[in-house]
Amino acid sequence: MTDYYDEPELTGYEPHGERPLRSVRMQRTIRIVVILGIVALVLPGILTTYSLARATAQAACAATVAALPASLMGTRVGSRVQFEVFGPGGLGWQCYTVGAYGGDRQPVAPLGLIPTYPSIQAPTDGS
């Protein structure tokens, strides 16, 4: 009598028994390599996105502060952007005017999570 197997490619296969295919040390090494590989793939994208968003926010803030009338600027000399979770405009990039020597920050406009040029209606001198 001949034995019939559903999978002929498994004829003669002897299972390993209770011993795992790979050792604990090899499993840990593979996990570490996979995690490092995923980080190496994702981290450059995150850093590039942050760098581009910061550059866009700085340009938008500088243009917004430069467009403010001199009567609103007072002693302000520059602009500064900062990513804030609980800022005056909510989550996202915030634009500030900066006084001499980095002091006297005044909020100008929220630039949003993805920074864009804000549409600010500056008050005119006649109203």
PDB file of N, CA and C in Angstrom:
ATOM      1  N   MET A   1       0.845  -1.166   0.000  1.00  0.00           N
ATOM      2  CA  MET A   1       0.000   0.000   0.000  1.00  0.00           C
ATOM      3  C   MET A   1       0.892   1.231   0.000  1.00  0.00           C
ATOM      4  N   THR A   2       0.570   2.162  -0.835  1.00  0.00           N
ATOM      5  CA  THR A   2       1.366   3.386  -0.921  1.00  0.00           C
ATOM      6  C   THR A   2       0.670   4.491  -0.152  1.00  0.00           C
ATOM      7  N   ASP A   3       1.509   5.360   0.420  1.00  0.00           N
ATOM      8  CA  ASP A   3       0.962   6.529   1.128  1.00  0.00           C
ATOM      9  C   ASP A   3       0.678   7.626   0.118  1.00  0.00           C
ATOM     10  N   TYR A   4      -0.437   8.269   0.290  1.00  0.00           N
ATOM     11  CA  TYR A   4      -0.802   9.362  -0.603  1.00  0.00           C
ATOM     12  C   TYR A   4      -0.726  10.669   0.181  1.00  0.00           C
ATOM     13  N   TYR A   5      -0.002  11.662  -0.371  1.00  0.00           N
ATOM     14  CA  TYR A   5       0.114  12.985   0.242  1.00  0.00           C
ATOM     15  C   TYR A   5      -0.565  14.007  -0.654  1.00  0.00           C
ATOM     16  N   ASP A   6      -1.231  14.960  -0.023  1.00  0.00           N
ATOM     17  CA  ASP A   6      -1.847  16.030  -0.806  1.00  0.00           C
ATOM     18  C   ASP A   6      -0.786  16.934  -1.427  1.00  0.00           C
ATOM     19  N   GLU A   7       0.294  17.140  -0.706  1.00  0.00           N
ATOM     20  CA  GLU A   7       1.376  17.982  -1.195  1.00  0.00           C
ATOM     21  C   GLU A   7       2.603  17.107  -1.438  1.00  0.00           C
ATOM     22  N   PRO A   8       2.871  16.752  -2.660  1.00  0.00           N
ATOM     23  CA  PRO A   8       3.996  15.855  -2.924  1.00  0.00           C
ATOM     24  C   PRO A   8       5.350  16.490  -2.600  1.00  0.00           C
ATOM     25  N   GLU A   9       5.427  17.817  -2.598  1.00  0.00           N
ATOM     26  CA  GLU A   9       6.708  18.458  -2.287  1.00  0.00           C
ATOM     27  C   GLU A   9       7.081  18.313  -0.816  1.00  0.00           C
ATOM     28  N   LEU A  10       6.138  17.912   0.036  1.00  0.00           N
ATOM     29  CA  LEU A  10       6.427  17.750   1.457  1.00  0.00           C
ATOM     30  C   LEU A  10       6.721  16.306   1.842  1.00  0.00           C
ATOM     31  N   THR A  11       6.843  15.439   0.896  1.00  0.00           N
ATOM     32  CA  THR A  11       7.146  14.052   1.240  1.00  0.00           C
ATOM     33  C   THR A  11       8.531  13.969   1.854  1.00  0.00           C
ATOM     34  N   GLY A  12       8.625  13.288   2.946  1.00  0.00           N
ATOM     35  CA  GLY A  12       9.896  13.135   3.635  1.00  0.00           C
ATOM     36  C   GLY A  12      10.213  14.263   4.589  1.00  0.00           C
ATOM     37  N   TYR A  13       9.300  15.207   4.761  1.00  0.00           N
ATOM     38  CA  TYR A  13       9.552  16.345   5.663  1.00  0.00           C
ATOM     39  C   TYR A  13       9.434  15.895   7.106  1.00  0.00           C
ATOM     40  N   GLU A  14      10.427  16.242   7.873  1.00  0.00           N
ATOM     41  CA  GLU A  14      10.427  15.960   9.303  1.00  0.00           C
ATOM     42  C   GLU A  14      10.394  17.293  10.041  1.00  0.00           C
ATOM     43  N   PRO A  15       9.373  17.582  10.845  1.00  0.00           N
ATOM     44  CA  PRO A  15       9.336  18.858  11.570  1.00  0.00           C
ATOM     45  C   PRO A  15      10.485  18.959  12.562  1.00  0.00           C
ATOM     46  N   HIS A  16      10.822  20.216  12.919  1.00  0.00           N
ATOM     47  CA  HIS A  16      11.940  20.477  13.831  1.00  0.00           C
ATOM     48  C   HIS A  16      11.644  20.053  15.253  1.00  0.00           C
ATOM     49  N   GLY A  17      10.448  19.856  15.573  1.00  0.00           N
ATOM     50  CA  GLY A  17      10.095  19.527  16.946  1.00  0.00           C
ATOM     51  C   GLY A  17       9.743  20.806  17.689  1.00  0.00           C
ATOM     52  N   GLU A  18      10.092  20.891  18.942  1.00  0.00           N
ATOM     53  CA  GLU A  18       9.749  22.040  19.776  1.00  0.00           C
ATOM     54  C   GLU A  18      10.729  23.197  19.617  1.00  0.00           C
ATOM     55  N   ARG A  19      11.880  22.965  19.037  1.00  0.00           N
ATOM     56  CA  ARG A  19      12.907  23.996  18.894  1.00  0.00           C
ATOM     57  C   ARG A  19      12.492  25.014  17.825  1.00  0.00           C
ATOM     58  N   PRO A  20      12.588  26.350  18.114  1.00  0.00           N
ATOM     59  CA  PRO A  20      12.212  27.354  17.107  1.00  0.00           C
ATOM     60  C   PRO A  20      13.207  27.374  15.946  1.00  0.00           C
ATOM     61  N   LEU A  21      12.742  27.915  14.832  1.00  0.00           N
ATOM     62  CA  LEU A  21      13.567  27.971  13.635  1.00  0.00           C
ATOM     63  C   LEU A  21      14.774  28.884  13.830  1.00  0.00           C
ATOM     64  N   ARG A  22      14.568  30.029  14.504  1.00  0.00           N
ATOM     65  CA  ARG A  22      15.664  30.971  14.768  1.00  0.00           C
ATOM     66  C   ARG A  22      15.828  31.139  16.268  1.00  0.00           C
ATOM     67  N   SER A  23      17.057  31.415  16.677  1.00  0.00           N
ATOM     68  CA  SER A  23      17.333  31.608  18.101  1.00  0.00           C
ATOM     69  C   SER A  23      16.792  32.958  18.567  1.00  0.00           C
ATOM     70  N   VAL A  24      16.696  33.134  19.864  1.00  0.00           N
ATOM     71  CA  VAL A  24      16.204  34.389  20.441  1.00  0.00           C
ATOM     72  C   VAL A  24      17.130  35.538  20.056  1.00  0.00           C
ATOM     73  N   ARG A  25      18.414  35.294  20.065  1.00  0.00           N
ATOM     74  CA  ARG A  25      19.394  36.334  19.703  1.00  0.00           C
ATOM     75  C   ARG A  25      19.209  36.771  18.250  1.00  0.00           C
ATOM     76  N   MET A  26      18.992  35.807  17.349  1.00  0.00           N
ATOM     77  CA  MET A  26      18.797  36.127  15.939  1.00  0.00           C
ATOM     78  C   MET A  26      17.483  36.882  15.736  1.00  0.00           C
ATOM     79  N   GLN A  27      16.426  36.510  16.445  1.00  0.00           N
ATOM     80  CA  GLN A  27      15.154  37.224  16.341  1.00  0.00           C
ATOM     81  C   GLN A  27      15.306  38.668  16.799  1.00  0.00           C
ATOM     82  N   ARG A  28      16.016  38.882  17.900  1.00  0.00           N
ATOM     83  CA  ARG A  28      16.233  40.230  18.410  1.00  0.00           C
ATOM     84  C   ARG A  28      17.052  41.055  17.416  1.00  0.00           C
ATOM     85  N   THR A  29      18.075  40.454  16.830  1.00  0.00           N
ATOM     86  CA  THR A  29      18.903  41.152  15.844  1.00  0.00           C
ATOM     87  C   THR A  29      18.079  41.549  14.625  1.00  0.00           C
ATOM     88  N   ILE A  30      17.246  40.650  14.151  1.00  0.00           N
ATOM     89  CA  ILE A  30      16.402  40.952  12.990  1.00  0.00           C
ATOM     90  C   ILE A  30      15.423  42.072  13.322  1.00  0.00           C
ATOM     91  N   ARG A  31      14.827  42.047  14.502  1.00  0.00           N
ATOM     92  CA  ARG A  31      13.903  43.116  14.906  1.00  0.00           C
ATOM     93  C   ARG A  31      14.604  44.462  14.944  1.00  0.00           C
ATOM     94  N   ILE A  32      15.807  44.505  15.501  1.00  0.00           N
ATOM     95  CA  ILE A  32      16.557  45.764  15.587  1.00  0.00           C
ATOM     96  C   ILE A  32      16.893  46.278  14.192  1.00  0.00           C
ATOM     97  N   VAL A  33      17.324  45.400  13.303  1.00  0.00           N
ATOM     98  CA  VAL A  33      17.656  45.808  11.938  1.00  0.00           C
ATOM     99  C   VAL A  33      16.417  46.336  11.218  1.00  0.00           C
ATOM    100  N   VAL A  34      15.279  45.688  11.398  1.00  0.00           N
ATOM    101  CA  VAL A  34      14.043  46.138  10.745  1.00  0.00           C
ATOM    102  C   VAL A  34      13.616  47.501  11.285  1.00  0.00           C
ATOM    103  N   ILE A  35      13.686  47.691  12.596  1.00  0.00           N
ATOM    104  CA  ILE A  35      13.309  48.982  13.188  1.00  0.00           C
ATOM    105  C   ILE A  35      14.240  50.086  12.707  1.00  0.00           C
ATOM    106  N   LEU A  36      15.543  49.821  12.679  1.00  0.00           N
ATOM    107  CA  LEU A  36      16.494  50.820  12.181  1.00  0.00           C
ATOM    108  C   LEU A  36      16.244  51.134  10.706  1.00  0.00           C
ATOM    109  N   GLY A  37      15.889  50.132   9.928  1.00  0.00           N
ATOM    110  CA  GLY A  37      15.581  50.360   8.520  1.00  0.00           C
ATOM    111  C   GLY A  37      14.354  51.233   8.329  1.00  0.00           C
ATOM    112  N   ILE A  38      13.318  50.985   9.118  1.00  0.00           N
ATOM    113  CA  ILE A  38      12.105  51.803   9.025  1.00  0.00           C
ATOM    114  C   ILE A  38      12.398  53.241   9.437  1.00  0.00           C
ATOM    115  N   VAL A  39      13.153  53.422  10.516  1.00  0.00           N
ATOM    116  CA  VAL A  39      13.526  54.773  10.955  1.00  0.00           C
ATOM    117  C   VAL A  39      14.354  55.465   9.879  1.00  0.00           C
ATOM    118  N   ALA A  40      15.283  54.738   9.255  1.00  0.00           N
ATOM    119  CA  ALA A  40      16.121  55.325   8.208  1.00  0.00           C
ATOM    120  C   ALA A  40      15.304  55.726   6.981  1.00  0.00           C
ATOM    121  N   LEU A  41      14.183  55.080   6.748  1.00  0.00           N
ATOM    122  CA  LEU A  41      13.328  55.447   5.626  1.00  0.00           C
ATOM    123  C   LEU A  41      12.400  56.614   5.952  1.00  0.00           C
ATOM    124  N   VAL A  42      11.909  56.682   7.177  1.00  0.00           N
ATOM    125  CA  VAL A  42      10.893  57.675   7.542  1.00  0.00           C
ATOM    126  C   VAL A  42      11.507  58.992   8.018  1.00  0.00           C
ATOM    127  N   LEU A  43      12.576  58.941   8.782  1.00  0.00           N
ATOM    128  CA  LEU A  43      13.152  60.140   9.393  1.00  0.00           C
ATOM    129  C   LEU A  43      13.563  61.218   8.384  1.00  0.00           C
ATOM    130  N   PRO A  44      14.214  60.898   7.267  1.00  0.00           N
ATOM    131  CA  PRO A  44      14.550  61.963   6.309  1.00  0.00           C
ATOM    132  C   PRO A  44      13.321  62.696   5.774  1.00  0.00           C
ATOM    133  N   GLY A  45      12.232  61.993   5.555  1.00  0.00           N
ATOM    134  CA  GLY A  45      11.006  62.642   5.093  1.00  0.00           C
ATOM    135  C   GLY A  45      10.440  63.593   6.124  1.00  0.00           C
ATOM    136  N   ILE A  46      10.472  63.188   7.389  1.00  0.00           N
ATOM    137  CA  ILE A  46       9.981  64.055   8.463  1.00  0.00           C
ATOM    138  C   ILE A  46      10.853  65.298   8.583  1.00  0.00           C
ATOM    139  N   LEU A  47      12.168  65.122   8.548  1.00  0.00           N
ATOM    140  CA  LEU A  47      13.076  66.267   8.667  1.00  0.00           C
ATOM    141  C   LEU A  47      12.952  67.213   7.478  1.00  0.00           C
ATOM    142  N   THR A  48      12.787  66.671   6.281  1.00  0.00           N
ATOM    143  CA  THR A  48      12.618  67.511   5.097  1.00  0.00           C
ATOM    144  C   THR A  48      11.311  68.294   5.167  1.00  0.00           C
ATOM    145  N   THR A  49      10.243  67.641   5.583  1.00  0.00           N
ATOM    146  CA  THR A  49       8.948  68.313   5.706  1.00  0.00           C
ATOM    147  C   THR A  49       9.016  69.435   6.730  1.00  0.00           C
ATOM    148  N   TYR A  50       9.637  69.179   7.879  1.00  0.00           N
ATOM    149  CA  TYR A  50       9.772  70.204   8.916  1.00  0.00           C
ATOM    150  C   TYR A  50      10.605  71.379   8.408  1.00  0.00           C
ATOM    151  N   SER A  51      11.711  71.089   7.739  1.00  0.00           N
ATOM    152  CA  SER A  51      12.582  72.149   7.234  1.00  0.00           C
ATOM    153  C   SER A  51      11.861  73.017   6.205  1.00  0.00           C
ATOM    154  N   LEU A  52      11.132  72.389   5.301  1.00  0.00           N
ATOM    155  CA  LEU A  52      10.396  73.140   4.284  1.00  0.00           C
ATOM    156  C   LEU A  52       9.276  73.971   4.908  1.00  0.00           C
ATOM    157  N   ALA A  53       8.561  73.403   5.872  1.00  0.00           N
ATOM    158  CA  ALA A  53       7.485  74.143   6.539  1.00  0.00           C
ATOM    159  C   ALA A  53       8.050  75.335   7.305  1.00  0.00           C
ATOM    160  N   ARG A  54       9.194  75.158   7.972  1.00  0.00           N
ATOM    161  CA  ARG A  54       9.804  76.264   8.722  1.00  0.00           C
ATOM    162  C   ARG A  54      10.258  77.381   7.782  1.00  0.00           C
ATOM    163  N   ALA A  55      10.873  77.015   6.652  1.00  0.00           N
ATOM    164  CA  ALA A  55      11.315  78.028   5.689  1.00  0.00           C
ATOM    165  C   ALA A  55      10.125  78.790   5.107  1.00  0.00           C
ATOM    166  N   THR A  56       9.048  78.078   4.798  1.00  0.00           N
ATOM    167  CA  THR A  56       7.846  78.730   4.276  1.00  0.00           C
ATOM    168  C   THR A  56       7.233  79.653   5.323  1.00  0.00           C
ATOM    169  N   ALA A  57       7.181  79.194   6.567  1.00  0.00           N
ATOM    170  CA  ALA A  57       6.623  80.017   7.642  1.00  0.00           C
ATOM    171  C   ALA A  57       7.471  81.264   7.872  1.00  0.00           C
ATOM    172  N   GLN A  58       8.792  81.141   7.821  1.00  0.00           N
ATOM    173  CA  GLN A  58       9.656  82.306   8.012  1.00  0.00           C
ATOM    174  C   GLN A  58       9.460  83.324   6.894  1.00  0.00           C
ATOM    175  N   ALA A  59       9.360  82.850   5.656  1.00  0.00           N
ATOM    176  CA  ALA A  59       9.152  83.765   4.535  1.00  0.00           C
ATOM    177  C   ALA A  59       7.791  84.455   4.635  1.00  0.00           C
ATOM    178  N   ALA A  60       6.753  83.704   4.979  1.00  0.00           N
ATOM    179  CA  ALA A  60       5.417  84.286   5.100  1.00  0.00           C
ATOM    180  C   ALA A  60       5.364  85.291   6.242  1.00  0.00           C
ATOM    181  N   CYS A  61       6.008  84.982   7.352  1.00  0.00           N
ATOM    182  CA  CYS A  61       6.006  85.887   8.501  1.00  0.00           C
ATOM    183  C   CYS A  61       6.781  87.166   8.186  1.00  0.00           C
ATOM    184  N   ALA A  62       7.935  87.022   7.549  1.00  0.00           N
ATOM    185  CA  ALA A  62       8.733  88.205   7.203  1.00  0.00           C
ATOM    186  C   ALA A  62       7.964  89.118   6.247  1.00  0.00           C
ATOM    187  N   ALA A  63       7.273  88.539   5.268  1.00  0.00           N
ATOM    188  CA  ALA A  63       6.490  89.345   4.329  1.00  0.00           C
ATOM    189  C   ALA A  63       5.307  90.006   5.024  1.00  0.00           C
ATOM    190  N   THR A  64       4.679  89.302   5.946  1.00  0.00           N
ATOM    191  CA  THR A  64       3.537  89.861   6.672  1.00  0.00           C
ATOM    192  C   THR A  64       3.970  91.010   7.567  1.00  0.00           C
ATOM    193  N   VAL A  65       5.066  90.835   8.280  1.00  0.00           N
ATOM    194  CA  VAL A  65       5.557  91.897   9.166  1.00  0.00           C
ATOM    195  C   VAL A  65       6.027  93.094   8.347  1.00  0.00           C
ATOM    196  N   ALA A  66       6.642  92.850   7.201  1.00  0.00           N
ATOM    197  CA  ALA A  66       7.091  93.959   6.350  1.00  0.00           C
ATOM    198  C   ALA A  66       5.908  94.743   5.790  1.00  0.00           C
ATOM    199  N   ALA A  67       4.756  94.090   5.621  1.00  0.00           N
ATOM    200  CA  ALA A  67       3.579  94.764   5.070  1.00  0.00           C
ATOM    201  C   ALA A  67       2.798  95.546   6.118  1.00  0.00           C
ATOM    202  N   LEU A  68       3.121  95.369   7.403  1.00  0.00           N
ATOM    203  CA  LEU A  68       2.413  96.111   8.445  1.00  0.00           C
ATOM    204  C   LEU A  68       2.749  97.593   8.360  1.00  0.00           C
ATOM    205  N   PRO A  69       1.784  98.466   8.636  1.00  0.00           N
ATOM    206  CA  PRO A  69       2.068  99.901   8.625  1.00  0.00           C
ATOM    207  C   PRO A  69       3.040 100.276   9.747  1.00  0.00           C
ATOM    208  N   ALA A  70       3.782 101.335   9.539  1.00  0.00           N
ATOM    209  CA  ALA A  70       4.786 101.772  10.518  1.00  0.00           C
ATOM    210  C   ALA A  70       4.143 102.134  11.850  1.00  0.00           C
ATOM    211  N   SER A  71       2.892 102.611  11.828  1.00  0.00           N
ATOM    212  CA  SER A  71       2.228 102.981  13.080  1.00  0.00           C
ATOM    213  C   SER A  71       1.977 101.754  13.966  1.00  0.00           C
ATOM    214  N   LEU A  72       1.804 100.591  13.365  1.00  0.00           N
ATOM    215  CA  LEU A  72       1.603  99.370  14.137  1.00  0.00           C
ATOM    216  C   LEU A  72       2.919  98.735  14.567  1.00  0.00           C
ATOM    217  N   MET A  73       3.977  99.013  13.834  1.00  0.00           N
ATOM    218  CA  MET A  73       5.261  98.380  14.134  1.00  0.00           C
ATOM    219  C   MET A  73       5.908  98.952  15.383  1.00  0.00           C
ATOM    220  N   GLY A  74       5.858 100.250  15.568  1.00  0.00           N
ATOM    221  CA  GLY A  74       6.498 100.857  16.737  1.00  0.00           C
ATOM    222  C   GLY A  74       7.991 100.602  16.729  1.00  0.00           C
ATOM    223  N   THR A  75       8.502  99.988  17.792  1.00  0.00           N
ATOM    224  CA  THR A  75       9.941  99.720  17.884  1.00  0.00           C
ATOM    225  C   THR A  75      10.293  98.310  17.421  1.00  0.00           C
ATOM    226  N   ARG A  76       9.381  97.638  16.771  1.00  0.00           N
ATOM    227  CA  ARG A  76       9.642  96.272  16.315  1.00  0.00           C
ATOM    228  C   ARG A  76      10.675  96.299  15.192  1.00  0.00           C
ATOM    229  N   VAL A  77      11.577  95.336  15.221  1.00  0.00           N
ATOM    230  CA  VAL A  77      12.640  95.329  14.222  1.00  0.00           C
ATOM    231  C   VAL A  77      12.649  94.077  13.349  1.00  0.00           C
ATOM    232  N   GLY A  78      11.916  93.060  13.695  1.00  0.00           N
ATOM    233  CA  GLY A  78      11.983  91.836  12.906  1.00  0.00           C
ATOM    234  C   GLY A  78      10.798  90.928  13.141  1.00  0.00           C
ATOM    235  N   SER A  79      10.937  89.713  12.643  1.00  0.00           N
ATOM    236  CA  SER A  79       9.866  88.730  12.780  1.00  0.00           C
ATOM    237  C   SER A  79      10.456  87.401  13.237  1.00  0.00           C
ATOM    238  N   ARG A  80       9.583  86.577  13.780  1.00  0.00           N
ATOM    239  CA  ARG A  80       9.997  85.262  14.266  1.00  0.00           C
ATOM    240  C   ARG A  80       8.819  84.313  14.133  1.00  0.00           C
ATOM    241  N   VAL A  81       9.094  83.081  13.726  1.00  0.00           N
ATOM    242  CA  VAL A  81       8.045  82.061  13.668  1.00  0.00           C
ATOM    243  C   VAL A  81       8.360  80.966  14.670  1.00  0.00           C
ATOM    244  N   GLN A  82       7.294  80.344  15.141  1.00  0.00           N
ATOM    245  CA  GLN A  82       7.442  79.276  16.114  1.00  0.00           C
ATOM    246  C   GLN A  82       6.269  78.327  15.955  1.00  0.00           C
ATOM    247  N   PHE A  83       6.546  77.020  16.019  1.00  0.00           N
ATOM    248  CA  PHE A  83       5.472  76.032  15.976  1.00  0.00           C
ATOM    249  C   PHE A  83       4.950  75.856  17.392  1.00  0.00           C
ATOM    250  N   GLU A  84       3.657  76.072  17.569  1.00  0.00           N
ATOM    251  CA  GLU A  84       3.063  75.988  18.900  1.00  0.00           C
ATOM    252  C   GLU A  84       1.813  75.122  18.866  1.00  0.00           C
ATOM    253  N   VAL A  85       1.623  74.390  19.952  1.00  0.00           N
ATOM    254  CA  VAL A  85       0.427  73.560  20.084  1.00  0.00           C
ATOM    255  C   VAL A  85      -0.715  74.380  20.675  1.00  0.00           C
ATOM    256  N   PHE A  86      -0.404  75.195  21.682  1.00  0.00           N
ATOM    257  CA  PHE A  86      -1.420  76.015  22.349  1.00  0.00           C
ATOM    258  C   PHE A  86      -1.134  77.497  22.152  1.00  0.00           C
ATOM    259  N   GLY A  87      -0.820  77.905  20.941  1.00  0.00           N
ATOM    260  CA  GLY A  87      -0.521  79.304  20.658  1.00  0.00           C
ATOM    261  C   GLY A  87      -1.783  80.132  20.531  1.00  0.00           C
ATOM    262  N   PRO A  88      -1.626  81.432  20.296  1.00  0.00           N
ATOM    263  CA  PRO A  88      -2.793  82.308  20.170  1.00  0.00           C
ATOM    264  C   PRO A  88      -3.697  81.950  18.988  1.00  0.00           C
ATOM    265  N   GLY A  89      -3.148  81.327  17.963  1.00  0.00           N
ATOM    266  CA  GLY A  89      -3.959  80.943  16.811  1.00  0.00           C
ATOM    267  C   GLY A  89      -4.275  79.470  16.768  1.00  0.00           C
ATOM    268  N   GLY A  90      -3.990  78.748  17.837  1.00  0.00           N
ATOM    269  CA  GLY A  90      -4.237  77.309  17.864  1.00  0.00           C
ATOM    270  C   GLY A  90      -3.011  76.530  17.424  1.00  0.00           C
ATOM    271  N   LEU A  91      -3.235  75.302  17.022  1.00  0.00           N
ATOM    272  CA  LEU A  91      -2.160  74.414  16.602  1.00  0.00           C
ATOM    273  C   LEU A  91      -1.568  74.885  15.279  1.00  0.00           C
ATOM    274  N   GLY A  92      -0.263  75.037  15.223  1.00  0.00           N
ATOM    275  CA  GLY A  92       0.397  75.403  13.971  1.00  0.00           C
ATOM    276  C   GLY A  92       1.484  76.438  14.175  1.00  0.00           C
ATOM    277  N   TRP A  93       1.921  76.993  13.056  1.00  0.00           N
ATOM    278  CA  TRP A  93       2.981  78.000  13.061  1.00  0.00           C
ATOM    279  C   TRP A  93       2.399  79.358  13.429  1.00  0.00           C
ATOM    280  N   GLN A  94       3.096  80.081  14.300  1.00  0.00           N
ATOM    281  CA  GLN A  94       2.658  81.402  14.749  1.00  0.00           C
ATOM    282  C   GLN A  94       3.707  82.436  14.339  1.00  0.00           C
ATOM    283  N   CYS A  95       3.254  83.574  13.882  1.00  0.00           N
ATOM    284  CA  CYS A  95       4.135  84.661  13.461  1.00  0.00           C
ATOM    285  C   CYS A  95       4.140  85.740  14.537  1.00  0.00           C
ATOM    286  N   TYR A  96       5.334  86.201  14.893  1.00  0.00           N
ATOM    287  CA  TYR A  96       5.492  87.236  15.919  1.00  0.00           C
ATOM    288  C   TYR A  96       6.391  88.345  15.387  1.00  0.00           C
ATOM    289  N   THR A  97       6.137  89.562  15.859  1.00  0.00           N
ATOM    290  CA  THR A  97       7.119  90.626  15.663  1.00  0.00           C
ATOM    291  C   THR A  97       8.051  90.585  16.854  1.00  0.00           C
ATOM    292  N   VAL A  98       9.294  90.950  16.631  1.00  0.00           N
ATOM    293  CA  VAL A  98      10.296  90.891  17.688  1.00  0.00           C
ATOM    294  C   VAL A  98      10.904  92.270  17.836  1.00  0.00           C
ATOM    295  N   GLY A  99      11.017  92.708  19.095  1.00  0.00           N
ATOM    296  CA  GLY A  99      11.634  93.994  19.373  1.00  0.00           C
ATOM    297  C   GLY A  99      13.149  93.896  19.356  1.00  0.00           C
ATOM    298  N   ALA A 100      13.788  94.991  19.672  1.00  0.00           N
ATOM    299  CA  ALA A 100      15.245  95.038  19.707  1.00  0.00           C
ATOM    300  C   ALA A 100      15.779  94.017  20.709  1.00  0.00           C
ATOM    301  N   TYR A 101      16.863  93.385  20.384  1.00  0.00           N
ATOM    302  CA  TYR A 101      17.553  92.390  21.219  1.00  0.00           C
ATOM    303  C   TYR A 101      16.683  91.166  21.505  1.00  0.00           C
ATOM    304  N   GLY A 102      15.723  90.866  20.648  1.00  0.00           N
ATOM    305  CA  GLY A 102      14.932  89.649  20.775  1.00  0.00           C
ATOM    306  C   GLY A 102      13.794  89.703  21.772  1.00  0.00           C
ATOM    307  N   GLY A 103      13.568  90.823  22.412  1.00  0.00           N
ATOM    308  CA  GLY A 103      12.492  90.913  23.395  1.00  0.00           C
ATOM    309  C   GLY A 103      11.216  91.459  22.792  1.00  0.00           C
ATOM    310  N   ASP A 104      10.193  91.585  23.622  1.00  0.00           N
ATOM    311  CA  ASP A 104       8.943  92.231  23.223  1.00  0.00           C
ATOM    312  C   ASP A 104       8.252  91.525  22.051  1.00  0.00           C
ATOM    313  N   ARG A 105       7.957  90.247  22.197  1.00  0.00           N
ATOM    314  CA  ARG A 105       7.258  89.505  21.141  1.00  0.00           C
ATOM    315  C   ARG A 105       5.786  89.879  21.124  1.00  0.00           C
ATOM    316  N   GLN A 106       5.274  90.152  19.945  1.00  0.00           N
ATOM    317  CA  GLN A 106       3.852  90.429  19.768  1.00  0.00           C
ATOM    318  C   GLN A 106       3.316  89.531  18.659  1.00  0.00           C
ATOM    319  N   PRO A 107       2.216  88.807  18.913  1.00  0.00           N
ATOM    320  CA  PRO A 107       1.675  87.944  17.855  1.00  0.00           C
ATOM    321  C   PRO A 107       1.125  88.771  16.697  1.00  0.00           C
ATOM    322  N   VAL A 108       1.410  88.314  15.490  1.00  0.00           N
ATOM    323  CA  VAL A 108       0.930  89.001  14.295  1.00  0.00           C
ATOM    324  C   VAL A 108      -0.195  88.196  13.654  1.00  0.00           C
ATOM    325  N   ALA A 109       0.088  86.924  13.358  1.00  0.00           N
ATOM    326  CA  ALA A 109      -0.912  86.106  12.664  1.00  0.00           C
ATOM    327  C   ALA A 109      -0.598  84.627  12.833  1.00  0.00           C
ATOM    328  N   PRO A 110      -1.638  83.799  12.905  1.00  0.00           N
ATOM    329  CA  PRO A 110      -1.400  82.351  12.838  1.00  0.00           C
ATOM    330  C   PRO A 110      -1.195  81.953  11.378  1.00  0.00           C
ATOM    331  N   LEU A 111      -0.205  81.126  11.124  1.00  0.00           N
ATOM    332  CA  LEU A 111       0.095  80.712   9.755  1.00  0.00           C
ATOM    333  C   LEU A 111      -0.473  79.333   9.428  1.00  0.00           C
ATOM    334  N   GLY A 112      -0.958  78.615  10.433  1.00  0.00           N
ATOM    335  CA  GLY A 112      -1.581  77.318  10.213  1.00  0.00           C
ATOM    336  C   GLY A 112      -0.619  76.160  10.362  1.00  0.00           C
ATOM    337  N   LEU A 113      -1.168  74.970  10.316  1.00  0.00           N
ATOM    338  CA  LEU A 113      -0.374  73.755  10.436  1.00  0.00           C
ATOM    339  C   LEU A 113       0.534  73.590   9.221  1.00  0.00           C
ATOM    340  N   ILE A 114      -0.012  73.842   8.046  1.00  0.00           N
ATOM    341  CA  ILE A 114       0.784  73.930   6.821  1.00  0.00           C
ATOM    342  C   ILE A 114       0.866  75.419   6.522  1.00  0.00           C
ATOM    343  N   PRO A 115       2.038  76.043   6.734  1.00  0.00           N
ATOM    344  CA  PRO A 115       2.113  77.508   6.706  1.00  0.00           C
ATOM    345  C   PRO A 115       1.768  78.104   5.346  1.00  0.00           C
ATOM    346  N   THR A 116       0.939  79.141   5.403  1.00  0.00           N
ATOM    347  CA  THR A 116       0.568  79.902   4.216  1.00  0.00           C
ATOM    348  C   THR A 116       0.634  81.377   4.559  1.00  0.00           C
ATOM    349  N   TYR A 117       0.577  82.215   3.546  1.00  0.00           N
ATOM    350  CA  TYR A 117       0.564  83.655   3.780  1.00  0.00           C
ATOM    351  C   TYR A 117      -0.802  84.045   4.335  1.00  0.00           C
ATOM    352  N   PRO A 118      -0.838  84.681   5.502  1.00  0.00           N
ATOM    353  CA  PRO A 118      -2.132  85.041   6.094  1.00  0.00           C
ATOM    354  C   PRO A 118      -2.758  86.218   5.364  1.00  0.00           C
ATOM    355  N   SER A 119      -4.066  86.288   5.423  1.00  0.00           N
ATOM    356  CA  SER A 119      -4.766  87.443   4.852  1.00  0.00           C
ATOM    357  C   SER A 119      -5.157  88.347   6.017  1.00  0.00           C
ATOM    358  N   ILE A 120      -4.313  89.321   6.286  1.00  0.00           N
ATOM    359  CA  ILE A 120      -4.524  90.231   7.411  1.00  0.00           C
ATOM    360  C   ILE A 120      -5.023  91.561   6.868  1.00  0.00           C
ATOM    361  N   GLN A 121      -6.096  92.029   7.456  1.00  0.00           N
ATOM    362  CA  GLN A 121      -6.608  93.345   7.119  1.00  0.00           C
ATOM    363  C   GLN A 121      -6.101  94.326   8.171  1.00  0.00           C
ATOM    364  N   ALA A 122      -5.051  95.035   7.852  1.00  0.00           N
ATOM    365  CA  ALA A 122      -4.485  95.995   8.795  1.00  0.00           C
ATOM    366  C   ALA A 122      -5.397  97.214   8.872  1.00  0.00           C
ATOM    367  N   PRO A 123      -5.618  97.733  10.074  1.00  0.00           N
ATOM    368  CA  PRO A 123      -6.469  98.921  10.194  1.00  0.00           C
ATOM    369  C   PRO A 123      -5.806 100.124   9.536  1.00  0.00           C
ATOM    370  N   THR A 124      -6.637 100.933   8.904  1.00  0.00           N
ATOM    371  CA  THR A 124      -6.106 102.146   8.275  1.00  0.00           C
ATOM    372  C   THR A 124      -6.100 103.272   9.288  1.00  0.00           C
ATOM    373  N   ASP A 125      -5.346 104.318   8.997  1.00  0.00           N
ATOM    374  CA  ASP A 125      -5.227 105.436   9.931  1.00  0.00           C
ATOM    375  C   ASP A 125      -6.526 106.230  10.046  1.00  0.00           C
ATOM    376  N   GLY A 126      -7.378 106.199   9.013  1.00  0.00           N
ATOM    377  CA  GLY A 126      -8.607 106.975   9.023  1.00  0.00           C
ATOM    378  C   GLY A 126      -9.740 106.326   9.798  1.00  0.00           C
ATOM    379  N   SER A 127      -9.678 105.066  10.134  1.00  0.00           N
ATOM    380  CA  SER A 127     -10.802 104.413  10.806  1.00  0.00           C
ATOM    381  C   SER A 127     -10.530 104.042  12.217  1.00  0.00           C
TER     382      SER A 127
END
